[in-house]
Structure formats: C-alpha cells, structure tokens
PDB file of N, CA and C in Angstrom:
ATOM      1  N   MET A   1      76.338  20.227 -28.640  1.00  0.00           N
ATOM      2  CA  MET A   1      75.010  20.409 -28.718  1.00  0.00           C
ATOM      3  C   MET A   1      74.222  19.730 -27.691  1.00  0.00           C
ATOM      4  N   LEU A   2      73.224  20.352 -26.993  1.00  0.00           N
ATOM      5  CA  LEU A   2      72.422  19.773 -25.903  1.00  0.00           C
ATOM      6  C   LEU A   2      71.406  18.942 -26.583  1.00  0.00           C
ATOM      7  N   VAL A   3      71.145  17.865 -25.769  1.00  0.00           N
ATOM      8  CA  VAL A   3      69.908  16.986 -26.155  1.00  0.00           C
ATOM      9  C   VAL A   3      69.055  16.847 -25.022  1.00  0.00           C
ATOM     10  N   PRO A   4      67.736  16.456 -25.164  1.00  0.00           N
ATOM     11  CA  PRO A   4      66.904  16.217 -24.072  1.00  0.00           C
ATOM     12  C   PRO A   4      67.474  15.492 -22.987  1.00  0.00           C
ATOM     13  N   GLY A   5      67.439  15.979 -21.739  1.00  0.00           N
ATOM     14  CA  GLY A   5      67.915  15.236 -20.578  1.00  0.00           C
ATOM     15  C   GLY A   5      69.363  15.760 -20.190  1.00  0.00           C
ATOM     16  N   ASP A   6      70.117  16.472 -21.120  1.00  0.00           N
ATOM     17  CA  ASP A   6      71.369  16.955 -20.622  1.00  0.00           C
ATOM     18  C   ASP A   6      71.173  18.125 -19.582  1.00  0.00           C
ATOM     19  N   LEU A   7      72.207  18.218 -18.857  1.00  0.00           N
ATOM     20  CA  LEU A   7      72.179  19.169 -17.630  1.00  0.00           C
ATOM     21  C   LEU A   7      73.369  20.029 -17.828  1.00  0.00           C
ATOM     22  N   VAL A   8      73.331  21.308 -17.847  1.00  0.00           N
ATOM     23  CA  VAL A   8      74.385  22.284 -17.979  1.00  0.00           C
ATOM     24  C   VAL A   8      74.869  22.418 -16.502  1.00  0.00           C
ATOM     25  N   THR A   9      76.179  22.123 -16.278  1.00  0.00           N
ATOM     26  CA  THR A   9      76.700  22.195 -14.966  1.00  0.00           C
ATOM     27  C   THR A   9      77.607  23.468 -14.708  1.00  0.00           C
ATOM     28  N   HIS A  10      78.220  24.039 -15.846  1.00  0.00           N
ATOM     29  CA  HIS A  10      78.921  25.207 -15.764  1.00  0.00           C
ATOM     30  C   HIS A  10      79.199  25.873 -17.220  1.00  0.00           C
ATOM     31  N   VAL A  11      79.478  27.046 -17.157  1.00  0.00           N
ATOM     32  CA  VAL A  11      79.682  27.832 -18.264  1.00  0.00           C
ATOM     33  C   VAL A  11      81.163  28.442 -18.168  1.00  0.00           C
ATOM     34  N   THR A  12      81.917  28.315 -19.228  1.00  0.00           N
ATOM     35  CA  THR A  12      83.316  29.035 -19.132  1.00  0.00           C
ATOM     36  C   THR A  12      83.164  30.306 -20.134  1.00  0.00           C
ATOM     37  N   LEU A  13      83.540  31.294 -19.494  1.00  0.00           N
ATOM     38  CA  LEU A  13      83.614  32.608 -20.192  1.00  0.00           C
ATOM     39  C   LEU A  13      85.016  33.049 -20.329  1.00  0.00           C
ATOM     40  N   PRO A  14      85.230  33.790 -21.459  1.00  0.00           N
ATOM     41  CA  PRO A  14      86.573  34.448 -21.616  1.00  0.00           C
ATOM     42  C   PRO A  14      86.902  35.429 -20.460  1.00  0.00           C
ATOM     43  N   ALA A  15      88.171  35.549 -20.186  1.00  0.00           N
ATOM     44  CA  ALA A  15      88.506  36.549 -19.109  1.00  0.00           C
ATOM     45  C   ALA A  15      88.129  37.986 -19.582  1.00  0.00           C
ATOM     46  N   PRO A  16      87.784  38.860 -18.582  1.00  0.00           N
ATOM     47  CA  PRO A  16      87.420  40.239 -19.052  1.00  0.00           C
ATOM     48  C   PRO A  16      88.506  40.915 -19.606  1.00  0.00           C
ATOM     49  N   ARG A  17      88.192  41.895 -20.445  1.00  0.00           N
ATOM     50  CA  ARG A  17      89.178  42.805 -21.176  1.00  0.00           C
ATOM     51  C   ARG A  17      90.121  43.392 -20.029  1.00  0.00           C
ATOM     52  N   SER A  18      91.341  43.499 -20.112  1.00  0.00           N
ATOM     53  CA  SER A  18      92.229  43.858 -19.014  1.00  0.00           C
ATOM     54  C   SER A  18      92.030  45.345 -18.613  1.00  0.00           C
ATOM     55  N   LYS A  19      91.616  46.213 -19.400  1.00  0.00           N
ATOM     56  CA  LYS A  19      91.349  47.574 -18.955  1.00  0.00           C
ATOM     57  C   LYS A  19      89.922  47.947 -18.863  1.00  0.00           C
ATOM     58  N   SER A  20      89.058  47.061 -18.903  1.00  0.00           N
ATOM     59  CA  SER A  20      87.588  47.245 -18.811  1.00  0.00           C
ATOM     60  C   SER A  20      87.072  47.248 -17.428  1.00  0.00           C
ATOM     61  N   LYS A  21      85.852  47.845 -17.255  1.00  0.00           N
ATOM     62  CA  LYS A  21      85.148  47.799 -15.988  1.00  0.00           C
ATOM     63  C   LYS A  21      83.801  47.180 -16.315  1.00  0.00           C
ATOM     64  N   GLN A  22      83.301  46.252 -15.483  1.00  0.00           N
ATOM     65  CA  GLN A  22      82.091  45.685 -15.633  1.00  0.00           C
ATOM     66  C   GLN A  22      81.093  45.992 -14.639  1.00  0.00           C
ATOM     67  N   VAL A  23      79.899  46.233 -14.888  1.00  0.00           N
ATOM     68  CA  VAL A  23      78.852  46.543 -13.880  1.00  0.00           C
ATOM     69  C   VAL A  23      77.599  45.869 -14.306  1.00  0.00           C
ATOM     70  N   TYR A  24      76.893  45.285 -13.351  1.00  0.00           N
ATOM     71  CA  TYR A  24      75.602  44.657 -13.549  1.00  0.00           C
ATOM     72  C   TYR A  24      74.751  45.323 -12.439  1.00  0.00           C
ATOM     73  N   LEU A  25      73.517  45.891 -12.976  1.00  0.00           N
ATOM     74  CA  LEU A  25      72.752  46.668 -12.041  1.00  0.00           C
ATOM     75  C   LEU A  25      71.306  45.981 -12.249  1.00  0.00           C
ATOM     76  N   LYS A  26      70.727  45.610 -11.226  1.00  0.00           N
ATOM     77  CA  LYS A  26      69.372  44.864 -11.187  1.00  0.00           C
ATOM     78  C   LYS A  26      68.443  45.652 -10.298  1.00  0.00           C
ATOM     79  N   LEU A  27      67.288  46.161 -10.887  1.00  0.00           N
ATOM     80  CA  LEU A  27      66.273  46.872 -10.173  1.00  0.00           C
ATOM     81  C   LEU A  27      65.163  46.005 -10.044  1.00  0.00           C
ATOM     82  N   ARG A  28      64.668  45.898  -8.684  1.00  0.00           N
ATOM     83  CA  ARG A  28      63.474  44.995  -8.375  1.00  0.00           C
ATOM     84  C   ARG A  28      62.688  45.604  -7.317  1.00  0.00           C
ATOM     85  N   ASP A  29      61.633  44.917  -6.923  1.00  0.00           N
ATOM     86  CA  ASP A  29      60.610  45.427  -6.107  1.00  0.00           C
ATOM     87  C   ASP A  29      61.142  45.444  -4.524  1.00  0.00           C
ATOM     88  N   ARG A  30      61.872  44.153  -4.289  1.00  0.00           N
ATOM     89  CA  ARG A  30      62.323  43.977  -2.929  1.00  0.00           C
ATOM     90  C   ARG A  30      63.835  43.564  -2.972  1.00  0.00           C
ATOM     91  N   ALA A  31      64.543  43.765  -1.850  1.00  0.00           N
ATOM     92  CA  ALA A  31      65.875  43.329  -1.736  1.00  0.00           C
ATOM     93  C   ALA A  31      65.966  41.870  -1.523  1.00  0.00           C
ATOM     94  N   SER A  32      65.679  41.140  -2.478  1.00  0.00           N
ATOM     95  CA  SER A  32      65.778  39.611  -2.320  1.00  0.00           C
ATOM     96  C   SER A  32      66.289  39.035  -3.693  1.00  0.00           C
ATOM     97  N   TYR A  33      65.837  37.835  -3.961  1.00  0.00           N
ATOM     98  CA  TYR A  33      66.207  37.244  -5.266  1.00  0.00           C
ATOM     99  C   TYR A  33      65.139  37.530  -6.258  1.00  0.00           C
ATOM    100  N   GLU A  34      64.182  38.361  -6.074  1.00  0.00           N
ATOM    101  CA  GLU A  34      63.004  38.829  -6.956  1.00  0.00           C
ATOM    102  C   GLU A  34      63.682  38.967  -8.362  1.00  0.00           C
ATOM    103  N   PHE A  35      62.758  38.741  -9.344  1.00  0.00           N
ATOM    104  CA  PHE A  35      63.184  38.947 -10.733  1.00  0.00           C
ATOM    105  C   PHE A  35      63.355  40.482 -10.907  1.00  0.00           C
ATOM    106  N   ALA A  36      64.149  40.744 -11.998  1.00  0.00           N
ATOM    107  CA  ALA A  36      64.479  42.116 -12.218  1.00  0.00           C
ATOM    108  C   ALA A  36      63.270  42.819 -12.860  1.00  0.00           C
ATOM    109  N   LEU A  37      63.002  44.107 -12.426  1.00  0.00           N
ATOM    110  CA  LEU A  37      62.046  44.830 -13.286  1.00  0.00           C
ATOM    111  C   LEU A  37      62.719  45.412 -14.477  1.00  0.00           C
ATOM    112  N   ALA A  38      64.064  45.694 -14.179  1.00  0.00           N
ATOM    113  CA  ALA A  38      64.820  46.138 -15.209  1.00  0.00           C
ATOM    114  C   ALA A  38      66.351  45.920 -14.785  1.00  0.00           C
ATOM    115  N   SER A  39      67.146  45.442 -15.768  1.00  0.00           N
ATOM    116  CA  SER A  39      68.532  45.258 -15.458  1.00  0.00           C
ATOM    117  C   SER A  39      69.482  45.784 -16.547  1.00  0.00           C
ATOM    118  N   ALA A  40      70.696  46.221 -16.206  1.00  0.00           N
ATOM    119  CA  ALA A  40      71.618  46.482 -17.258  1.00  0.00           C
ATOM    120  C   ALA A  40      73.000  45.982 -16.873  1.00  0.00           C
ATOM    121  N   ALA A  41      73.664  45.430 -18.019  1.00  0.00           N
ATOM    122  CA  ALA A  41      75.060  44.866 -17.767  1.00  0.00           C
ATOM    123  C   ALA A  41      75.900  45.744 -18.753  1.00  0.00           C
ATOM    124  N   ILE A  42      76.955  46.292 -18.175  1.00  0.00           N
ATOM    125  CA  ILE A  42      77.888  47.113 -18.900  1.00  0.00           C
ATOM    126  C   ILE A  42      79.244  46.642 -18.805  1.00  0.00           C
ATOM    127  N   VAL A  43      79.945  46.634 -20.068  1.00  0.00           N
ATOM    128  CA  VAL A  43      81.428  46.351 -19.993  1.00  0.00           C
ATOM    129  C   VAL A  43      81.936  47.544 -20.829  1.00  0.00           C
ATOM    130  N   ALA A  44      82.735  48.409 -20.116  1.00  0.00           N
ATOM    131  CA  ALA A  44      83.268  49.735 -20.701  1.00  0.00           C
ATOM    132  C   ALA A  44      84.864  49.874 -20.501  1.00  0.00           C
ATOM    133  N   GLU A  45      85.358  50.495 -21.545  1.00  0.00           N
ATOM    134  CA  GLU A  45      86.731  50.918 -21.515  1.00  0.00           C
ATOM    135  C   GLU A  45      86.671  52.421 -21.867  1.00  0.00           C
ATOM    136  N   VAL A  46      87.296  53.233 -21.112  1.00  0.00           N
ATOM    137  CA  VAL A  46      87.387  54.753 -21.405  1.00  0.00           C
ATOM    138  C   VAL A  46      88.855  55.149 -21.522  1.00  0.00           C
ATOM    139  N   SER A  47      89.120  55.744 -22.590  1.00  0.00           N
ATOM    140  CA  SER A  47      90.481  56.230 -22.851  1.00  0.00           C
ATOM    141  C   SER A  47      90.445  57.723 -23.304  1.00  0.00           C
ATOM    142  N   ASP A  48      91.117  58.609 -22.539  1.00  0.00           N
ATOM    143  CA  ASP A  48      91.075  59.971 -22.748  1.00  0.00           C
ATOM    144  C   ASP A  48      89.704  60.642 -22.765  1.00  0.00           C
ATOM    145  N   GLY A  49      88.891  60.086 -21.752  1.00  0.00           N
ATOM    146  CA  GLY A  49      87.567  60.686 -21.521  1.00  0.00           C
ATOM    147  C   GLY A  49      86.426  60.077 -22.443  1.00  0.00           C
ATOM    148  N   LYS A  50      86.859  59.280 -23.482  1.00  0.00           N
ATOM    149  CA  LYS A  50      85.860  58.703 -24.340  1.00  0.00           C
ATOM    150  C   LYS A  50      85.762  57.170 -24.357  1.00  0.00           C
ATOM    151  N   PHE A  51      84.667  56.695 -24.751  1.00  0.00           N
ATOM    152  CA  PHE A  51      84.488  55.198 -24.832  1.00  0.00           C
ATOM    153  C   PHE A  51      85.341  54.586 -25.897  1.00  0.00           C
ATOM    154  N   SER A  52      86.258  53.741 -25.618  1.00  0.00           N
ATOM    155  CA  SER A  52      87.075  53.078 -26.582  1.00  0.00           C
ATOM    156  C   SER A  52      86.509  51.655 -26.810  1.00  0.00           C
ATOM    157  N   PHE A  53      85.670  51.192 -25.910  1.00  0.00           N
ATOM    158  CA  PHE A  53      85.044  49.781 -26.018  1.00  0.00           C
ATOM    159  C   PHE A  53      83.905  49.993 -25.162  1.00  0.00           C
ATOM    160  N   ILE A  54      82.673  49.433 -25.623  1.00  0.00           N
ATOM    161  CA  ILE A  54      81.404  49.334 -24.813  1.00  0.00           C
ATOM    162  C   ILE A  54      80.536  48.320 -25.326  1.00  0.00           C
ATOM    163  N   ARG A  55      79.907  47.568 -24.234  1.00  0.00           N
ATOM    164  CA  ARG A  55      78.836  46.658 -24.339  1.00  0.00           C
ATOM    165  C   ARG A  55      77.767  46.924 -23.437  1.00  0.00           C
ATOM    166  N   VAL A  56      76.518  46.877 -24.012  1.00  0.00           N
ATOM    167  CA  VAL A  56      75.425  47.207 -23.138  1.00  0.00           C
ATOM    168  C   VAL A  56      74.436  46.093 -23.375  1.00  0.00           C
ATOM    169  N   ALA A  57      73.933  45.448 -22.289  1.00  0.00           N
ATOM    170  CA  ALA A  57      73.069  44.392 -22.359  1.00  0.00           C
ATOM    171  C   ALA A  57      71.837  44.750 -21.354  1.00  0.00           C
ATOM    172  N   LEU A  58      70.576  44.398 -21.709  1.00  0.00           N
ATOM    173  CA  LEU A  58      69.395  44.722 -20.881  1.00  0.00           C
ATOM    174  C   LEU A  58      68.639  43.581 -20.574  1.00  0.00           C
ATOM    175  N   GLY A  59      68.018  43.537 -19.465  1.00  0.00           N
ATOM    176  CA  GLY A  59      67.164  42.355 -18.994  1.00  0.00           C
ATOM    177  C   GLY A  59      65.987  42.943 -18.206  1.00  0.00           C
ATOM    178  N   GLY A  60      65.029  41.911 -18.076  1.00  0.00           N
ATOM    179  CA  GLY A  60      63.890  42.275 -17.119  1.00  0.00           C
ATOM    180  C   GLY A  60      62.730  43.102 -17.946  1.00  0.00           C
ATOM    181  N   LEU A  61      62.997  43.275 -19.271  1.00  0.00           N
ATOM    182  CA  LEU A  61      62.010  44.148 -20.041  1.00  0.00           C
ATOM    183  C   LEU A  61      61.256  43.389 -20.996  1.00  0.00           C
ATOM    184  N   GLY A  62      61.697  42.190 -21.446  1.00  0.00           N
ATOM    185  CA  GLY A  62      61.087  41.480 -22.396  1.00  0.00           C
ATOM    186  C   GLY A  62      61.188  40.045 -22.075  1.00  0.00           C
ATOM    187  N   THR A  63      61.073  39.081 -23.038  1.00  0.00           N
ATOM    188  CA  THR A  63      60.969  37.756 -22.750  1.00  0.00           C
ATOM    189  C   THR A  63      62.416  37.182 -22.605  1.00  0.00           C
ATOM    190  N   LYS A  64      63.453  37.945 -22.993  1.00  0.00           N
ATOM    191  CA  LYS A  64      64.754  37.433 -22.734  1.00  0.00           C
ATOM    192  C   LYS A  64      65.682  38.732 -22.747  1.00  0.00           C
ATOM    193  N   PRO A  65      66.859  38.622 -22.127  1.00  0.00           N
ATOM    194  CA  PRO A  65      67.849  39.696 -22.129  1.00  0.00           C
ATOM    195  C   PRO A  65      68.339  39.896 -23.643  1.00  0.00           C
ATOM    196  N   TRP A  66      68.916  41.037 -23.835  1.00  0.00           N
ATOM    197  CA  TRP A  66      69.344  41.333 -25.282  1.00  0.00           C
ATOM    198  C   TRP A  66      70.401  42.427 -25.067  1.00  0.00           C
ATOM    199  N   ARG A  67      71.258  42.398 -26.148  1.00  0.00           N
ATOM    200  CA  ARG A  67      72.399  43.443 -26.268  1.00  0.00           C
ATOM    201  C   ARG A  67      71.776  44.570 -26.977  1.00  0.00           C
ATOM    202  N   SER A  68      72.169  45.724 -26.602  1.00  0.00           N
ATOM    203  CA  SER A  68      71.625  47.023 -27.328  1.00  0.00           C
ATOM    204  C   SER A  68      72.715  47.626 -28.128  1.00  0.00           C
ATOM    205  N   HIS A  69      72.791  47.192 -29.424  1.00  0.00           N
ATOM    206  CA  HIS A  69      73.627  47.774 -30.336  1.00  0.00           C
ATOM    207  C   HIS A  69      73.394  49.195 -30.431  1.00  0.00           C
ATOM    208  N   GLU A  70      72.115  49.697 -30.288  1.00  0.00           N
ATOM    209  CA  GLU A  70      71.810  51.126 -30.491  1.00  0.00           C
ATOM    210  C   GLU A  70      72.457  51.918 -29.374  1.00  0.00           C
ATOM    211  N   ALA A  71      72.501  51.472 -28.182  1.00  0.00           N
ATOM    212  CA  ALA A  71      73.114  52.205 -27.068  1.00  0.00           C
ATOM    213  C   ALA A  71      74.716  52.179 -27.306  1.00  0.00           C
ATOM    214  N   GLU A  72      75.239  51.033 -27.755  1.00  0.00           N
ATOM    215  CA  GLU A  72      76.618  50.993 -28.005  1.00  0.00           C
ATOM    216  C   GLU A  72      77.138  51.977 -28.983  1.00  0.00           C
ATOM    217  N   ALA A  73      76.296  52.078 -30.155  1.00  0.00           N
ATOM    218  CA  ALA A  73      76.590  53.003 -31.304  1.00  0.00           C
ATOM    219  C   ALA A  73      76.606  54.452 -30.867  1.00  0.00           C
ATOM    220  N   ALA A  74      75.578  54.717 -29.885  1.00  0.00           N
ATOM    221  CA  ALA A  74      75.511  56.032 -29.383  1.00  0.00           C
ATOM    222  C   ALA A  74      76.752  56.446 -28.457  1.00  0.00           C
ATOM    223  N   LEU A  75      77.426  55.458 -27.822  1.00  0.00           N
ATOM    224  CA  LEU A  75      78.481  55.708 -26.972  1.00  0.00           C
ATOM    225  C   LEU A  75      79.886  55.639 -27.482  1.00  0.00           C
ATOM    226  N   LEU A  76      80.153  54.795 -28.467  1.00  0.00           N
ATOM    227  CA  LEU A  76      81.477  54.371 -28.963  1.00  0.00           C
ATOM    228  C   LEU A  76      82.186  55.685 -29.415  1.00  0.00           C
ATOM    229  N   HIS A  77      83.410  55.879 -28.869  1.00  0.00           N
ATOM    230  CA  HIS A  77      84.239  57.068 -29.343  1.00  0.00           C
ATOM    231  C   HIS A  77      83.661  58.403 -28.954  1.00  0.00           C
ATOM    232  N   ARG A  78      82.661  58.396 -28.027  1.00  0.00           N
ATOM    233  CA  ARG A  78      82.180  59.620 -27.602  1.00  0.00           C
ATOM    234  C   ARG A  78      82.475  59.821 -26.083  1.00  0.00           C
ATOM    235  N   PRO A  79      82.278  61.015 -25.601  1.00  0.00           N
ATOM    236  CA  PRO A  79      82.593  61.394 -24.202  1.00  0.00           C
ATOM    237  C   PRO A  79      81.800  60.468 -23.229  1.00  0.00           C
ATOM    238  N   ALA A  80      82.508  60.102 -22.148  1.00  0.00           N
ATOM    239  CA  ALA A  80      81.903  59.311 -21.141  1.00  0.00           C
ATOM    240  C   ALA A  80      81.268  60.291 -20.064  1.00  0.00           C
ATOM    241  N   ASP A  81      80.186  60.909 -20.497  1.00  0.00           N
ATOM    242  CA  ASP A  81      79.551  61.804 -19.610  1.00  0.00           C
ATOM    243  C   ASP A  81      78.008  61.555 -19.458  1.00  0.00           C
ATOM    244  N   ILE A  82      77.454  62.243 -18.539  1.00  0.00           N
ATOM    245  CA  ILE A  82      75.852  61.986 -18.325  1.00  0.00           C
ATOM    246  C   ILE A  82      75.144  62.300 -19.416  1.00  0.00           C
ATOM    247  N   ALA A  83      75.302  63.311 -20.257  1.00  0.00           N
ATOM    248  CA  ALA A  83      74.503  63.545 -21.471  1.00  0.00           C
ATOM    249  C   ALA A  83      74.522  62.543 -22.352  1.00  0.00           C
ATOM    250  N   MET A  84      75.817  61.799 -22.645  1.00  0.00           N
ATOM    251  CA  MET A  84      75.884  60.754 -23.497  1.00  0.00           C
ATOM    252  C   MET A  84      75.152  59.525 -22.965  1.00  0.00           C
ATOM    253  N   PHE A  85      75.138  59.293 -21.624  1.00  0.00           N
ATOM    254  CA  PHE A  85      74.513  58.201 -21.018  1.00  0.00           C
ATOM    255  C   PHE A  85      73.029  58.347 -21.254  1.00  0.00           C
ATOM    256  N   HIS A  86      72.420  59.452 -21.164  1.00  0.00           N
ATOM    257  CA  HIS A  86      71.012  59.637 -21.389  1.00  0.00           C
ATOM    258  C   HIS A  86      70.699  59.380 -22.908  1.00  0.00           C
ATOM    259  N   ARG A  87      71.523  59.905 -23.672  1.00  0.00           N
ATOM    260  CA  ARG A  87      71.334  59.657 -25.257  1.00  0.00           C
ATOM    261  C   ARG A  87      71.481  58.196 -25.505  1.00  0.00           C
ATOM    262  N   ALA A  88      72.330  57.456 -24.930  1.00  0.00           N
ATOM    263  CA  ALA A  88      72.374  55.869 -25.040  1.00  0.00           C
ATOM    264  C   ALA A  88      71.106  55.223 -24.512  1.00  0.00           C
ATOM    265  N   ALA A  89      70.664  55.731 -23.429  1.00  0.00           N
ATOM    266  CA  ALA A  89      69.423  55.140 -22.777  1.00  0.00           C
ATOM    267  C   ALA A  89      68.195  55.329 -23.740  1.00  0.00           C
ATOM    268  N   ASP A  90      68.066  56.508 -24.292  1.00  0.00           N
ATOM    269  CA  ASP A  90      67.069  56.883 -25.275  1.00  0.00           C
ATOM    270  C   ASP A  90      67.066  55.917 -26.490  1.00  0.00           C
ATOM    271  N   ALA A  91      68.354  55.968 -27.037  1.00  0.00           N
ATOM    272  CA  ALA A  91      68.668  55.037 -28.268  1.00  0.00           C
ATOM    273  C   ALA A  91      68.226  53.589 -27.967  1.00  0.00           C
ATOM    274  N   ALA A  92      68.536  53.027 -26.735  1.00  0.00           N
ATOM    275  CA  ALA A  92      68.399  51.689 -26.375  1.00  0.00           C
ATOM    276  C   ALA A  92      66.702  51.467 -26.343  1.00  0.00           C
ATOM    277  N   LEU A  93      65.942  52.311 -25.879  1.00  0.00           N
ATOM    278  CA  LEU A  93      64.623  52.128 -25.657  1.00  0.00           C
ATOM    279  C   LEU A  93      63.770  52.833 -26.733  1.00  0.00           C
ATOM    280  N   ARG A  94      64.357  53.322 -27.855  1.00  0.00           N
ATOM    281  CA  ARG A  94      63.634  54.194 -28.756  1.00  0.00           C
ATOM    282  C   ARG A  94      62.432  53.346 -29.351  1.00  0.00           C
ATOM    283  N   ASP A  95      62.600  52.159 -29.666  1.00  0.00           N
ATOM    284  CA  ASP A  95      61.525  51.362 -30.244  1.00  0.00           C
ATOM    285  C   ASP A  95      60.650  50.548 -29.272  1.00  0.00           C
ATOM    286  N   ALA A  96      60.871  50.843 -28.031  1.00  0.00           N
ATOM    287  CA  ALA A  96      60.097  50.202 -26.992  1.00  0.00           C
ATOM    288  C   ALA A  96      58.531  50.265 -27.182  1.00  0.00           C
ATOM    289  N   ASP A  97      57.859  49.201 -26.955  1.00  0.00           N
ATOM    290  CA  ASP A  97      56.293  49.070 -27.324  1.00  0.00           C
ATOM    291  C   ASP A  97      55.779  48.334 -26.011  1.00  0.00           C
ATOM    292  N   PRO A  98      55.716  49.093 -24.931  1.00  0.00           N
ATOM    293  CA  PRO A  98      55.313  48.331 -23.764  1.00  0.00           C
ATOM    294  C   PRO A  98      53.735  48.165 -23.646  1.00  0.00           C
ATOM    295  N   GLN A  99      53.279  47.073 -22.957  1.00  0.00           N
ATOM    296  CA  GLN A  99      51.856  46.786 -22.756  1.00  0.00           C
ATOM    297  C   GLN A  99      51.429  47.751 -21.660  1.00  0.00           C
ATOM    298  N   SER A 100      50.161  47.922 -21.527  1.00  0.00           N
ATOM    299  CA  SER A 100      49.552  48.941 -20.700  1.00  0.00           C
ATOM    300  C   SER A 100      49.891  48.825 -19.182  1.00  0.00           C
ATOM    301  N   GLU A 101      50.183  47.652 -18.753  1.00  0.00           N
ATOM    302  CA  GLU A 101      50.596  47.450 -17.358  1.00  0.00           C
ATOM    303  C   GLU A 101      52.058  47.663 -17.008  1.00  0.00           C
ATOM    304  N   ASN A 102      52.858  47.672 -18.057  1.00  0.00           N
ATOM    305  CA  ASN A 102      54.334  47.822 -17.801  1.00  0.00           C
ATOM    306  C   ASN A 102      55.008  48.801 -18.561  1.00  0.00           C
ATOM    307  N   GLY A 103      54.230  49.948 -18.841  1.00  0.00           N
ATOM    308  CA  GLY A 103      54.835  51.079 -19.434  1.00  0.00           C
ATOM    309  C   GLY A 103      55.836  51.797 -18.669  1.00  0.00           C
ATOM    310  N   PHE A 104      55.653  51.654 -17.322  1.00  0.00           N
ATOM    311  CA  PHE A 104      56.683  52.338 -16.408  1.00  0.00           C
ATOM    312  C   PHE A 104      58.098  51.840 -16.558  1.00  0.00           C
ATOM    313  N   LYS A 105      58.200  50.547 -17.144  1.00  0.00           N
ATOM    314  CA  LYS A 105      59.535  49.976 -17.322  1.00  0.00           C
ATOM    315  C   LYS A 105      60.394  50.744 -18.304  1.00  0.00           C
ATOM    316  N   VAL A 106      59.891  51.458 -19.190  1.00  0.00           N
ATOM    317  CA  VAL A 106      60.694  52.159 -20.200  1.00  0.00           C
ATOM    318  C   VAL A 106      61.536  53.148 -19.447  1.00  0.00           C
ATOM    319  N   GLU A 107      60.841  54.010 -18.692  1.00  0.00           N
ATOM    320  CA  GLU A 107      61.654  55.083 -17.932  1.00  0.00           C
ATOM    321  C   GLU A 107      62.612  54.336 -16.880  1.00  0.00           C
ATOM    322  N   LEU A 108      62.102  53.261 -16.228  1.00  0.00           N
ATOM    323  CA  LEU A 108      62.823  52.586 -15.267  1.00  0.00           C
ATOM    324  C   LEU A 108      64.170  52.087 -15.897  1.00  0.00           C
ATOM    325  N   ALA A 109      64.093  51.486 -17.052  1.00  0.00           N
ATOM    326  CA  ALA A 109      65.178  50.900 -17.773  1.00  0.00           C
ATOM    327  C   ALA A 109      66.158  52.069 -18.166  1.00  0.00           C
ATOM    328  N   LYS A 110      65.643  53.219 -18.629  1.00  0.00           N
ATOM    329  CA  LYS A 110      66.571  54.384 -19.007  1.00  0.00           C
ATOM    330  C   LYS A 110      67.387  54.742 -17.861  1.00  0.00           C
ATOM    331  N   ARG A 111      66.631  54.779 -16.703  1.00  0.00           N
ATOM    332  CA  ARG A 111      67.430  55.228 -15.466  1.00  0.00           C
ATOM    333  C   ARG A 111      68.433  54.057 -15.058  1.00  0.00           C
ATOM    334  N   CYS A 112      68.070  52.867 -15.311  1.00  0.00           N
ATOM    335  CA  CYS A 112      68.958  51.719 -14.984  1.00  0.00           C
ATOM    336  C   CYS A 112      70.243  51.833 -15.789  1.00  0.00           C
ATOM    337  N   ILE A 113      70.077  52.013 -17.218  1.00  0.00           N
ATOM    338  CA  ILE A 113      71.268  52.137 -18.048  1.00  0.00           C
ATOM    339  C   ILE A 113      72.154  53.314 -17.658  1.00  0.00           C
ATOM    340  N   THR A 114      71.427  54.444 -17.465  1.00  0.00           N
ATOM    341  CA  THR A 114      72.218  55.688 -17.040  1.00  0.00           C
ATOM    342  C   THR A 114      73.069  55.479 -15.752  1.00  0.00           C
ATOM    343  N   HIS A 115      72.379  54.803 -14.808  1.00  0.00           N
ATOM    344  CA  HIS A 115      73.081  54.798 -13.531  1.00  0.00           C
ATOM    345  C   HIS A 115      74.225  53.530 -13.687  1.00  0.00           C
ATOM    346  N   ALA A 116      73.961  52.487 -14.481  1.00  0.00           N
ATOM    347  CA  ALA A 116      74.983  51.540 -14.692  1.00  0.00           C
ATOM    348  C   ALA A 116      76.170  52.122 -15.442  1.00  0.00           C
ATOM    349  N   LEU A 117      75.955  52.925 -16.452  1.00  0.00           N
ATOM    350  CA  LEU A 117      77.048  53.660 -17.086  1.00  0.00           C
ATOM    351  C   LEU A 117      77.809  54.460 -16.217  1.00  0.00           C
ATOM    352  N   THR A 118      77.144  55.120 -15.306  1.00  0.00           N
ATOM    353  CA  THR A 118      77.933  56.071 -14.396  1.00  0.00           C
ATOM    354  C   THR A 118      78.748  55.281 -13.582  1.00  0.00           C
ATOM    355  N   LEU A 119      78.218  54.106 -13.037  1.00  0.00           N
ATOM    356  CA  LEU A 119      79.089  53.309 -12.177  1.00  0.00           C
ATOM    357  C   LEU A 119      80.310  52.615 -12.857  1.00  0.00           C
ATOM    358  N   ALA A 120      80.028  52.296 -14.216  1.00  0.00           N
ATOM    359  CA  ALA A 120      81.002  51.724 -15.035  1.00  0.00           C
ATOM    360  C   ALA A 120      82.197  52.678 -15.340  1.00  0.00           C
ATOM    361  N   THR A 121      81.840  53.966 -15.275  1.00  0.00           N
ATOM    362  CA  THR A 121      82.809  54.891 -15.814  1.00  0.00           C
ATOM    363  C   THR A 121      83.476  55.793 -14.510  1.00  0.00           C
ATOM    364  N   GLN A 122      83.081  55.393 -13.324  1.00  0.00           N
ATOM    365  CA  GLN A 122      83.693  56.144 -12.163  1.00  0.00           C
ATOM    366  C   GLN A 122      85.183  55.658 -12.036  1.00  0.00           C
ATOM    367  N   SER A 123      85.900  56.601 -11.604  1.00  0.00           N
ATOM    368  CA  SER A 123      87.279  56.103 -11.304  1.00  0.00           C
ATOM    369  C   SER A 123      87.490  55.281 -10.120  1.00  0.00           C
ATOM    370  N   ALA A 124      88.365  54.435 -10.030  1.00  0.00           N
ATOM    371  CA  ALA A 124      88.463  53.465  -8.955  1.00  0.00           C
ATOM    372  C   ALA A 124      88.949  54.138  -7.611  1.00  0.00           C
TER     373      ALA A 124
END
C-alpha cells in the first residue's frame, strides 16, 4: 500500500499471452507527446478466424482509462472481421454521454477501436 510521500519507481506486469497480439493506438492533435483525444489498447488471440481471447481498453475519453467489457462481449468467439469491429466499437460507446465541446470524440473513439482491432488481427 502506498502512503503519502511514496514514489512508484517501476511496475511489474505479467508476460503477454504467448499467442496474443497487442496494439496501442493513440490519436492526438499533433505528432508529439500530446495527450490522447482517443486511445485504444487491444490484446487479441484469434483461432480459426474467431476471437478466442480479447481485451479492449479505452483512454482519452473520460477522466480515466477503462476496460470495455461491452466490446469484449461483442467480439469473443465471433469472427475477426470489420463488421464485428464496428459492432464492438458501437457497443463500447453505446452509453457515451459527451459534453457539447467533445461530442466528436464518440466517433473518433469508434474509429480508433476499429483501427486498433484491424491492426491487432493482421497476420504478421
């Protein structure tokens, strides 16, 4: 447990799943270290053309990143194709309630998810 004054110097993560492909896509205004307007992190395993494992996380859209269980449910055991990517993106943002100045982020996030899924399922 951290207490005031503690400093996190590193984080140890488990090794990636052996047959998975991971993609992180960050969309921003400029090619710099600018904050993300929308981002998607994908971990995917595809067997026989269908998702056998999938994790979808989103960032840049709210106050903190989050995992989209809705997108994962839309994809698991289903074909790894563009139609499913669009369905998953729609599921992930179904309950989005943007403010007037950032309504564009809903469509941007859907495109980000779709493109990240495309990259994560391309053959090496």
